[in-house]
Protein backbone atom coordinates (compact mmCIF):
# COMPACT_ATOMS: atom_id res chain seq x y z
CA MET A 1 0.03 0.21 0.10
CA GLU A 2 1.51 3.29 -1.10
CA HIS A 3 1.97 6.05 1.75
CA LYS A 4 0.16 9.04 1.28
CA PRO A 5 1.15 12.27 3.44
CA LEU A 6 -1.21 12.95 6.22
CA VAL A 7 -2.75 16.55 6.06
CA GLY A 8 -5.25 17.94 8.59
CA LEU A 9 -8.24 19.90 7.03
CA ALA A 10 -9.24 22.23 9.66
CA MET A 11 -12.71 24.44 9.31
CA CYS A 12 -13.46 27.17 11.01
CA GLY A 13 -16.49 29.56 10.28
CA SER A 14 -17.04 31.38 7.00
CA TYR A 15 -19.92 29.12 6.17
CA CYS A 16 -20.32 30.59 2.92
CA THR A 17 -17.33 28.97 1.58
CA TYR A 18 -17.83 25.39 2.70
CA ALA A 19 -19.27 24.20 -0.78
CA GLN A 20 -16.03 25.27 -2.28
CA VAL A 21 -13.76 23.45 0.52
CA PHE A 22 -15.38 20.23 0.58
CA ALA A 23 -15.21 20.32 -3.29
CA ALA A 24 -11.40 21.05 -3.31
CA ALA A 25 -10.69 18.65 -0.36
CA ALA A 26 -12.20 15.70 -2.18
CA ALA A 27 -9.90 16.52 -4.98
CA LEU A 28 -6.89 16.21 -1.94
CA ARG A 29 -7.92 12.65 -1.44
CA LYS A 30 -6.31 11.61 -4.42
CA ASP A 31 -2.91 12.64 -3.28
CA TYR A 32 -3.41 12.68 0.66
CA ARG A 33 -4.92 10.94 3.57
CA LEU A 34 -7.04 13.81 5.23
CA LEU A 35 -7.76 14.15 8.98
CA GLY A 36 -10.85 16.59 9.95
CA ILE A 37 -10.63 19.20 12.22
CA MET A 38 -13.40 21.58 13.21
CA SER A 39 -13.65 24.77 15.71
CA GLU A 40 -16.12 24.08 18.50
CA THR A 41 -18.35 27.16 16.76
CA ALA A 42 -18.19 25.60 13.30
CA ALA A 43 -19.27 22.15 14.49
CA GLU A 44 -22.20 23.36 16.59
CA THR A 45 -23.82 26.16 14.10
CA ASP A 46 -26.49 25.72 11.76
CA THR A 47 -26.46 28.54 9.06
CA ARG A 48 -28.56 29.26 5.91
CA PHE A 49 -25.38 27.16 4.05
CA GLY A 50 -25.72 24.09 5.58
CA THR A 51 -26.33 22.48 9.43
CA ALA A 52 -23.54 21.48 11.81
CA VAL A 53 -24.48 17.87 11.40
CA THR A 54 -24.40 17.88 7.98
CA ASN A 55 -21.26 19.25 7.61
CA LEU A 56 -19.65 17.24 10.19
CA ARG A 57 -20.92 14.26 8.43
CA ARG A 58 -19.46 15.70 4.98
CA LEU A 59 -15.87 16.02 6.54
CA MET A 60 -16.16 12.56 8.34
CA GLU A 61 -17.13 11.12 4.91
CA LEU A 62 -13.93 13.02 3.48
CA THR A 63 -11.80 11.65 5.75
CA GLY A 64 -13.05 8.51 6.71
CA GLU A 65 -12.73 8.73 11.03
CA PRO A 66 -14.34 11.16 13.26
CA VAL A 67 -13.95 14.67 13.35
CA VAL A 68 -11.72 16.46 16.14
CA THR A 69 -13.87 18.91 17.64
CA THR A 70 -12.26 19.93 20.97
CA ILE A 71 -9.30 21.21 22.40
CA ALA A 72 -8.42 18.02 24.38
CA GLU A 73 -9.07 16.12 20.92
CA ALA A 74 -6.64 18.59 18.98
CA GLU A 75 -3.77 18.55 21.61
CA PRO A 76 -2.34 15.32 20.55
CA LEU A 77 -2.01 15.84 17.17
CA GLY A 78 1.42 17.41 17.41
CA PRO A 79 3.26 14.72 19.45
CA ALA A 80 0.95 11.66 19.14
CA ARG A 81 -0.18 11.81 15.85
CA PRO A 82 1.63 14.23 13.66
CA MET A 83 0.71 15.49 10.14
CA ASP A 84 2.89 15.97 7.41
CA ALA A 85 0.78 19.34 6.83
CA LEU A 86 -2.12 21.40 8.28
CA LEU A 87 -4.56 23.38 6.18
CA ILE A 88 -6.98 25.60 7.72
CA ALA A 89 -9.72 26.15 5.09
CA PRO A 90 -11.78 28.26 5.39
CA CYS A 91 -9.83 30.14 8.05
CA THR A 92 -11.52 33.12 9.55
CA GLY A 93 -10.46 36.76 10.57
CA ASN A 94 -10.85 35.75 14.14
CA THR A 95 -8.81 32.67 13.95
CA LEU A 96 -6.05 34.81 11.95
CA ALA A 97 -6.00 37.00 14.54
CA LYS A 98 -5.41 34.26 17.18
CA LEU A 99 -2.84 32.24 14.96
CA ALA A 100 -0.94 35.73 14.93
CA HIS A 101 -1.11 36.27 18.75
CA GLY A 102 -0.43 32.74 19.89
CA ILE A 103 -3.82 32.67 21.41
CA THR A 104 -5.22 28.72 21.90
CA ASP A 105 -8.85 28.66 22.73
CA SER A 106 -10.37 26.29 20.18
CA ALA A 107 -9.92 22.82 18.26
CA VAL A 108 -8.47 24.33 15.16
CA THR A 109 -5.98 26.88 16.95
CA MET A 110 -4.90 24.10 19.54
CA ALA A 111 -4.19 21.68 16.22
CA ALA A 112 -2.26 24.53 14.79
CA LYS A 113 0.05 25.09 17.96
CA ALA A 114 0.55 21.18 18.31
CA HIS A 115 1.37 20.99 14.70
CA LEU A 116 4.00 23.93 14.61
CA ARG A 117 5.69 22.59 16.94
CA ASN A 118 6.79 19.72 14.90
CA GLY A 119 8.33 22.62 12.34
CA ARG A 120 5.90 21.20 9.73
CA PRO A 121 3.82 23.29 7.19
CA LEU A 122 0.67 25.43 8.08
CA VAL A 123 -1.42 26.12 5.13
CA ILE A 124 -4.08 29.13 5.72
CA ALA A 125 -6.96 29.42 3.28
CA PHE A 126 -8.41 32.41 4.54
CA SER A 127 -11.80 34.38 4.22
CA THR A 128 -12.32 37.27 6.00
CA ASN A 129 -14.55 40.73 5.23
CA ASP A 130 -11.71 42.68 6.73
CA GLY A 131 -8.93 41.34 5.04
CA LEU A 132 -8.02 44.85 3.67
CA SER A 133 -8.77 46.69 7.26
CA GLY A 134 -8.76 44.79 10.53
CA SER A 135 -7.19 41.77 9.67
CA ALA A 136 -4.61 42.85 7.30
CA GLU A 137 -1.95 43.56 10.32
CA ASN A 138 -2.58 39.58 11.25
CA ILE A 139 -1.72 38.48 7.71
CA GLY A 140 1.24 40.35 7.24
CA LYS A 141 2.27 38.86 10.85
CA LEU A 142 1.87 35.37 9.59
CA LEU A 143 3.20 36.08 6.18
CA ASN A 144 6.36 36.30 8.07
CA ARG A 145 6.08 33.25 10.40
CA LYS A 146 8.32 30.41 9.50
CA HIS A 147 6.37 27.29 8.30
CA VAL A 148 3.29 29.39 7.60
CA TYR A 149 2.03 29.35 3.54
CA PHE A 150 -0.85 30.98 2.33
CA VAL A 151 -3.47 29.78 -0.43
CA PRO A 152 -3.11 32.71 -2.84
CA PHE A 153 -6.27 35.14 -2.27
CA ARG A 154 -8.01 38.11 -4.03
CA GLN A 155 -10.88 40.41 -3.07
CA ASP A 156 -13.94 38.29 -3.55
CA ASP A 157 -16.60 40.90 -4.21
CA PRO A 158 -14.87 44.62 -4.41
CA GLU A 159 -18.09 46.33 -5.23
CA LYS A 160 -20.33 45.30 -1.99
CA LYS A 161 -17.28 44.22 0.32
CA PRO A 162 -14.37 46.45 -0.81
CA ARG A 163 -12.24 45.26 2.20
CA SER A 164 -13.30 41.55 1.72
CA LEU A 165 -10.35 39.12 0.93
CA GLN A 166 -10.87 35.11 0.05
CA ALA A 167 -8.57 32.19 -0.66
CA ASP A 168 -8.95 30.74 -4.23
CA PHE A 169 -10.01 27.34 -2.67
CA THR A 170 -9.28 25.69 -6.15
CA LEU A 171 -5.79 26.37 -5.27
CA LEU A 172 -5.83 24.02 -2.04
CA GLY A 173 -3.89 21.16 -3.45
CA GLU A 174 -1.20 23.19 -5.39
CA THR A 175 -0.65 25.31 -2.02
CA VAL A 176 -0.37 21.93 0.06
CA ALA A 177 2.24 20.39 -2.32
CA ALA A 178 4.03 23.62 -2.44
CA ALA A 179 4.23 23.83 1.05
CA LEU A 180 5.63 20.59 1.63
CA ARG A 181 8.37 21.19 -0.60
CA GLY A 182 8.71 24.34 1.68
CA GLU A 183 7.93 26.68 -0.99
CA GLN A 184 5.06 29.55 -1.13
CA LEU A 185 3.15 29.39 -4.07
CA GLN A 186 3.10 32.66 -6.08
CA PRO A 187 1.94 35.19 -6.75
CA ILE A 188 0.10 35.29 -3.39
CA LEU A 189 -2.01 38.12 -4.18
CA ARG A 190 -4.13 37.18 -7.57
């Protein structure tokens, strides 16, 4: 049996992007084993884009195992179950801020902390309405952090949301592959 790298797929809010993330994650299964992680809020919140139960089930079907949804479940991911890469998609502005400032208060931020201690790539695919305002500083901090890579991003709706930025979720696979080689996919801003 061929060994495929283990990639954590951690999901935060930004529920409007879930369809894109799930589609891209399905393509990732060709090259990687996936481990599902969801923030507590994502795992418990029903929205107009789907119910929490449906989203948890979809992630479990993609990965073939239970989804990590608590800090206690996420903590051993670094020492006991190291991943080759951790992909946070979607990553909200709230989670960006926590990562930039070392705050660990969810399954996703704990998974990132546990993962980074192993010096392996953390890939961020963010979606935030304040990427060109409040979250800009945090994006800058993380762009300069060792082992942190970004899925290329763009303004998602310059007319209605002029400060909003969103990752190009079709580039998840390419970005993870580049990060595993220690490279940032370019150009970052598209």
